[in-house]
């Protein structure tokens, strides 16, 4: 139940992508991809703080 709730919360934080599956594994996978994308956009100096 807790995992389901957390996945629902993550789903609301991700950008909308047409055709993306909404099962827990897909949400977790999309979250990892999105965090990696965001980390690439943030300068190393900020990441080091």
PDB file of N, CA and C in Angstrom:
ATOM      1  N   UNK A   1       0.829  -1.198   0.000  1.00  0.00           N
ATOM      2  CA  UNK A   1       0.000   0.000   0.000  1.00  0.00           C
ATOM      3  C   UNK A   1       0.874   1.262   0.000  1.00  0.00           C
ATOM      4  N   UNK A   2       1.921   1.228   0.806  1.00  0.00           N
ATOM      5  CA  UNK A   2       2.820   2.386   0.876  1.00  0.00           C
ATOM      6  C   UNK A   2       3.555   2.588  -0.449  1.00  0.00           C
ATOM      7  N   UNK A   3       3.995   1.494  -1.065  1.00  0.00           N
ATOM      8  CA  UNK A   3       4.684   1.594  -2.359  1.00  0.00           C
ATOM      9  C   UNK A   3       3.738   2.162  -3.410  1.00  0.00           C
ATOM     10  N   UNK A   4       2.515   1.696  -3.403  1.00  0.00           N
ATOM     11  CA  UNK A   4       1.520   2.187  -4.359  1.00  0.00           C
ATOM     12  C   UNK A   4       1.315   3.694  -4.189  1.00  0.00           C
ATOM     13  N   UNK A   5       1.184   4.138  -2.945  1.00  0.00           N
ATOM     14  CA  UNK A   5       0.987   5.563  -2.665  1.00  0.00           C
ATOM     15  C   UNK A   5       2.189   6.378  -3.152  1.00  0.00           C
ATOM     16  N   UNK A   6       3.392   5.899  -2.853  1.00  0.00           N
ATOM     17  CA  UNK A   6       4.597   6.621  -3.256  1.00  0.00           C
ATOM     18  C   UNK A   6       4.741   6.677  -4.777  1.00  0.00           C
ATOM     19  N   UNK A   7       4.396   5.602  -5.451  1.00  0.00           N
ATOM     20  CA  UNK A   7       4.443   5.596  -6.923  1.00  0.00           C
ATOM     21  C   UNK A   7       3.442   6.586  -7.501  1.00  0.00           C
ATOM     22  N   UNK A   8       2.284   6.702  -6.881  1.00  0.00           N
ATOM     23  CA  UNK A   8       1.291   7.681  -7.329  1.00  0.00           C
ATOM     24  C   UNK A   8       1.838   9.096  -7.161  1.00  0.00           C
ATOM     25  N   UNK A   9       2.530   9.339  -6.044  1.00  0.00           N
ATOM     26  CA  UNK A   9       3.132  10.649  -5.817  1.00  0.00           C
ATOM     27  C   UNK A   9       4.218  10.934  -6.854  1.00  0.00           C
ATOM     28  N   UNK A  10       5.063   9.962  -7.128  1.00  0.00           N
ATOM     29  CA  UNK A  10       6.100  10.136  -8.148  1.00  0.00           C
ATOM     30  C   UNK A  10       5.487  10.426  -9.511  1.00  0.00           C
ATOM     31  N   UNK A  11       4.435   9.714  -9.838  1.00  0.00           N
ATOM     32  CA  UNK A  11       3.774   9.893 -11.134  1.00  0.00           C
ATOM     33  C   UNK A  11       3.342  11.348 -11.318  1.00  0.00           C
ATOM     34  N   UNK A  12       2.873  11.989 -10.239  1.00  0.00           N
ATOM     35  CA  UNK A  12       2.420  13.378 -10.350  1.00  0.00           C
ATOM     36  C   UNK A  12       3.585  14.341 -10.542  1.00  0.00           C
ATOM     37  N   UNK A  13       4.786  13.942 -10.152  1.00  0.00           N
ATOM     38  CA  UNK A  13       5.958  14.809 -10.276  1.00  0.00           C
ATOM     39  C   UNK A  13       6.644  14.697 -11.634  1.00  0.00           C
ATOM     40  N   UNK A  14       6.362  13.629 -12.357  1.00  0.00           N
ATOM     41  CA  UNK A  14       6.995  13.418 -13.659  1.00  0.00           C
ATOM     42  C   UNK A  14       6.283  14.227 -14.739  1.00  0.00           C
ATOM     43  N   UNK A  15       7.036  14.656 -15.753  1.00  0.00           N
ATOM     44  CA  UNK A  15       6.384  15.322 -16.887  1.00  0.00           C
ATOM     45  C   UNK A  15       5.447  14.337 -17.591  1.00  0.00           C
ATOM     46  N   UNK A  16       4.376  14.861 -18.131  1.00  0.00           N
ATOM     47  CA  UNK A  16       3.418  14.011 -18.843  1.00  0.00           C
ATOM     48  C   UNK A  16       4.022  13.529 -20.154  1.00  0.00           C
ATOM     49  N   UNK A  17       3.949  12.223 -20.374  1.00  0.00           N
ATOM     50  CA  UNK A  17       4.437  11.620 -21.610  1.00  0.00           C
ATOM     51  C   UNK A  17       3.330  10.723 -22.131  1.00  0.00           C
ATOM     52  N   UNK A  18       2.886  11.011 -23.349  1.00  0.00           N
ATOM     53  CA  UNK A  18       1.822  10.191 -23.939  1.00  0.00           C
ATOM     54  C   UNK A  18       2.290   8.763 -24.126  1.00  0.00           C
ATOM     55  N   UNK A  19       1.445   7.836 -23.778  1.00  0.00           N
ATOM     56  CA  UNK A  19       1.734   6.434 -24.003  1.00  0.00           C
ATOM     57  C   UNK A  19       2.559   5.762 -22.921  1.00  0.00           C
ATOM     58  N   UNK A  20       2.992   6.528 -21.917  1.00  0.00           N
ATOM     59  CA  UNK A  20       3.782   5.921 -20.841  1.00  0.00           C
ATOM     60  C   UNK A  20       2.871   5.075 -19.964  1.00  0.00           C
ATOM     61  N   UNK A  21       3.363   3.907 -19.602  1.00  0.00           N
ATOM     62  CA  UNK A  21       2.607   3.034 -18.710  1.00  0.00           C
ATOM     63  C   UNK A  21       2.622   3.621 -17.307  1.00  0.00           C
ATOM     64  N   UNK A  22       1.576   3.327 -16.534  1.00  0.00           N
ATOM     65  CA  UNK A  22       1.476   3.870 -15.191  1.00  0.00           C
ATOM     66  C   UNK A  22       1.646   2.825 -14.100  1.00  0.00           C
ATOM     67  N   UNK A  23       2.145   1.635 -14.461  1.00  0.00           N
ATOM     68  CA  UNK A  23       2.382   0.635 -13.422  1.00  0.00           C
ATOM     69  C   UNK A  23       3.600   1.060 -12.602  1.00  0.00           C
ATOM     70  N   UNK A  24       3.751   0.480 -11.419  1.00  0.00           N
ATOM     71  CA  UNK A  24       4.798   0.900 -10.484  1.00  0.00           C
ATOM     72  C   UNK A  24       6.192   0.812 -11.094  1.00  0.00           C
ATOM     73  N   UNK A  25       6.499  -0.277 -11.770  1.00  0.00           N
ATOM     74  CA  UNK A  25       7.832  -0.442 -12.357  1.00  0.00           C
ATOM     75  C   UNK A  25       8.106   0.630 -13.413  1.00  0.00           C
ATOM     76  N   UNK A  26       7.115   0.943 -14.225  1.00  0.00           N
ATOM     77  CA  UNK A  26       7.294   1.964 -15.262  1.00  0.00           C
ATOM     78  C   UNK A  26       7.485   3.343 -14.652  1.00  0.00           C
ATOM     79  N   UNK A  27       6.750   3.631 -13.582  1.00  0.00           N
ATOM     80  CA  UNK A  27       6.893   4.920 -12.900  1.00  0.00           C
ATOM     81  C   UNK A  27       8.288   5.034 -12.292  1.00  0.00           C
ATOM     82  N   UNK A  28       8.759   3.970 -11.658  1.00  0.00           N
ATOM     83  CA  UNK A  28      10.101   3.997 -11.076  1.00  0.00           C
ATOM     84  C   UNK A  28      11.167   4.170 -12.157  1.00  0.00           C
ATOM     85  N   UNK A  29      11.010   3.464 -13.261  1.00  0.00           N
ATOM     86  CA  UNK A  29      11.959   3.575 -14.369  1.00  0.00           C
ATOM     87  C   UNK A  29      11.969   4.995 -14.933  1.00  0.00           C
ATOM     88  N   UNK A  30      10.792   5.574 -15.127  1.00  0.00           N
ATOM     89  CA  UNK A  30      10.698   6.935 -15.653  1.00  0.00           C
ATOM     90  C   UNK A  30      11.300   7.938 -14.670  1.00  0.00           C
ATOM     91  N   UNK A  31      11.132   7.690 -13.384  1.00  0.00           N
ATOM     92  CA  UNK A  31      11.699   8.571 -12.367  1.00  0.00           C
ATOM     93  C   UNK A  31      13.218   8.548 -12.421  1.00  0.00           C
ATOM     94  N   UNK A  32      13.798   7.366 -12.540  1.00  0.00           N
ATOM     95  CA  UNK A  32      15.259   7.246 -12.645  1.00  0.00           C
ATOM     96  C   UNK A  32      15.752   7.996 -13.876  1.00  0.00           C
ATOM     97  N   UNK A  33      15.091   7.798 -14.999  1.00  0.00           N
ATOM     98  CA  UNK A  33      15.489   8.481 -16.235  1.00  0.00           C
ATOM     99  C   UNK A  33      15.400   9.996 -16.080  1.00  0.00           C
ATOM    100  N   UNK A  34      14.340  10.468 -15.428  1.00  0.00           N
ATOM    101  CA  UNK A  34      14.130  11.907 -15.264  1.00  0.00           C
ATOM    102  C   UNK A  34      15.167  12.510 -14.316  1.00  0.00           C
ATOM    103  N   UNK A  35      15.476  11.822 -13.238  1.00  0.00           N
ATOM    104  CA  UNK A  35      16.492  12.319 -12.304  1.00  0.00           C
ATOM    105  C   UNK A  35      17.853  12.386 -12.997  1.00  0.00           C
ATOM    106  N   UNK A  36      18.183  11.378 -13.790  1.00  0.00           N
ATOM    107  CA  UNK A  36      19.439  11.407 -14.549  1.00  0.00           C
ATOM    108  C   UNK A  36      19.464  12.598 -15.503  1.00  0.00           C
ATOM    109  N   UNK A  37      18.345  12.847 -16.176  1.00  0.00           N
ATOM    110  CA  UNK A  37      18.239  13.975 -17.102  1.00  0.00           C
ATOM    111  C   UNK A  37      18.451  15.298 -16.361  1.00  0.00           C
ATOM    112  N   UNK A  38      17.804  15.455 -15.226  1.00  0.00           N
ATOM    113  CA  UNK A  38      17.922  16.689 -14.446  1.00  0.00           C
ATOM    114  C   UNK A  38      19.362  16.871 -13.957  1.00  0.00           C
ATOM    115  N   UNK A  39      19.977  15.791 -13.503  1.00  0.00           N
ATOM    116  CA  UNK A  39      21.362  15.877 -13.010  1.00  0.00           C
ATOM    117  C   UNK A  39      22.316  16.317 -14.110  1.00  0.00           C
ATOM    118  N   UNK A  40      22.052  15.921 -15.352  1.00  0.00           N
ATOM    119  CA  UNK A  40      22.892  16.348 -16.476  1.00  0.00           C
ATOM    120  C   UNK A  40      22.761  17.844 -16.733  1.00  0.00           C
ATOM    121  N   UNK A  41      21.611  18.406 -16.407  1.00  0.00           N
ATOM    122  CA  UNK A  41      21.345  19.818 -16.667  1.00  0.00           C
ATOM    123  C   UNK A  41      21.880  20.730 -15.568  1.00  0.00           C
ATOM    124  N   UNK A  42      22.185  20.172 -14.402  1.00  0.00           N
ATOM    125  CA  UNK A  42      22.672  20.960 -13.273  1.00  0.00           C
ATOM    126  C   UNK A  42      24.199  20.961 -13.308  1.00  0.00           C
ATOM    127  N   UNK A  43      24.774  22.138 -13.097  1.00  0.00           N
ATOM    128  CA  UNK A  43      26.235  22.237 -13.171  1.00  0.00           C
ATOM    129  C   UNK A  43      26.897  21.435 -12.049  1.00  0.00           C
ATOM    130  N   UNK A  44      28.094  20.908 -12.324  1.00  0.00           N
ATOM    131  CA  UNK A  44      28.819  20.131 -11.311  1.00  0.00           C
ATOM    132  C   UNK A  44      29.058  20.913 -10.018  1.00  0.00           C
ATOM    133  N   UNK A  45      29.251  22.230 -10.125  1.00  0.00           N
ATOM    134  CA  UNK A  45      29.490  23.048  -8.931  1.00  0.00           C
ATOM    135  C   UNK A  45      28.282  23.016  -7.997  1.00  0.00           C
ATOM    136  N   UNK A  46      27.112  23.077  -8.553  1.00  0.00           N
ATOM    137  CA  UNK A  46      25.891  23.032  -7.740  1.00  0.00           C
ATOM    138  C   UNK A  46      25.705  21.639  -7.161  1.00  0.00           C
ATOM    139  N   UNK A  47      25.981  20.613  -7.953  1.00  0.00           N
ATOM    140  CA  UNK A  47      25.826  19.235  -7.476  1.00  0.00           C
ATOM    141  C   UNK A  47      26.774  18.931  -6.317  1.00  0.00           C
ATOM    142  N   UNK A  48      27.932  19.605  -6.267  1.00  0.00           N
ATOM    143  CA  UNK A  48      28.930  19.347  -5.229  1.00  0.00           C
ATOM    144  C   UNK A  48      28.548  19.954  -3.880  1.00  0.00           C
ATOM    145  N   UNK A  49      27.576  20.837  -3.868  1.00  0.00           N
ATOM    146  CA  UNK A  49      27.183  21.499  -2.610  1.00  0.00           C
ATOM    147  C   UNK A  49      26.470  20.567  -1.680  1.00  0.00           C
TER     148      UNK A  49
END
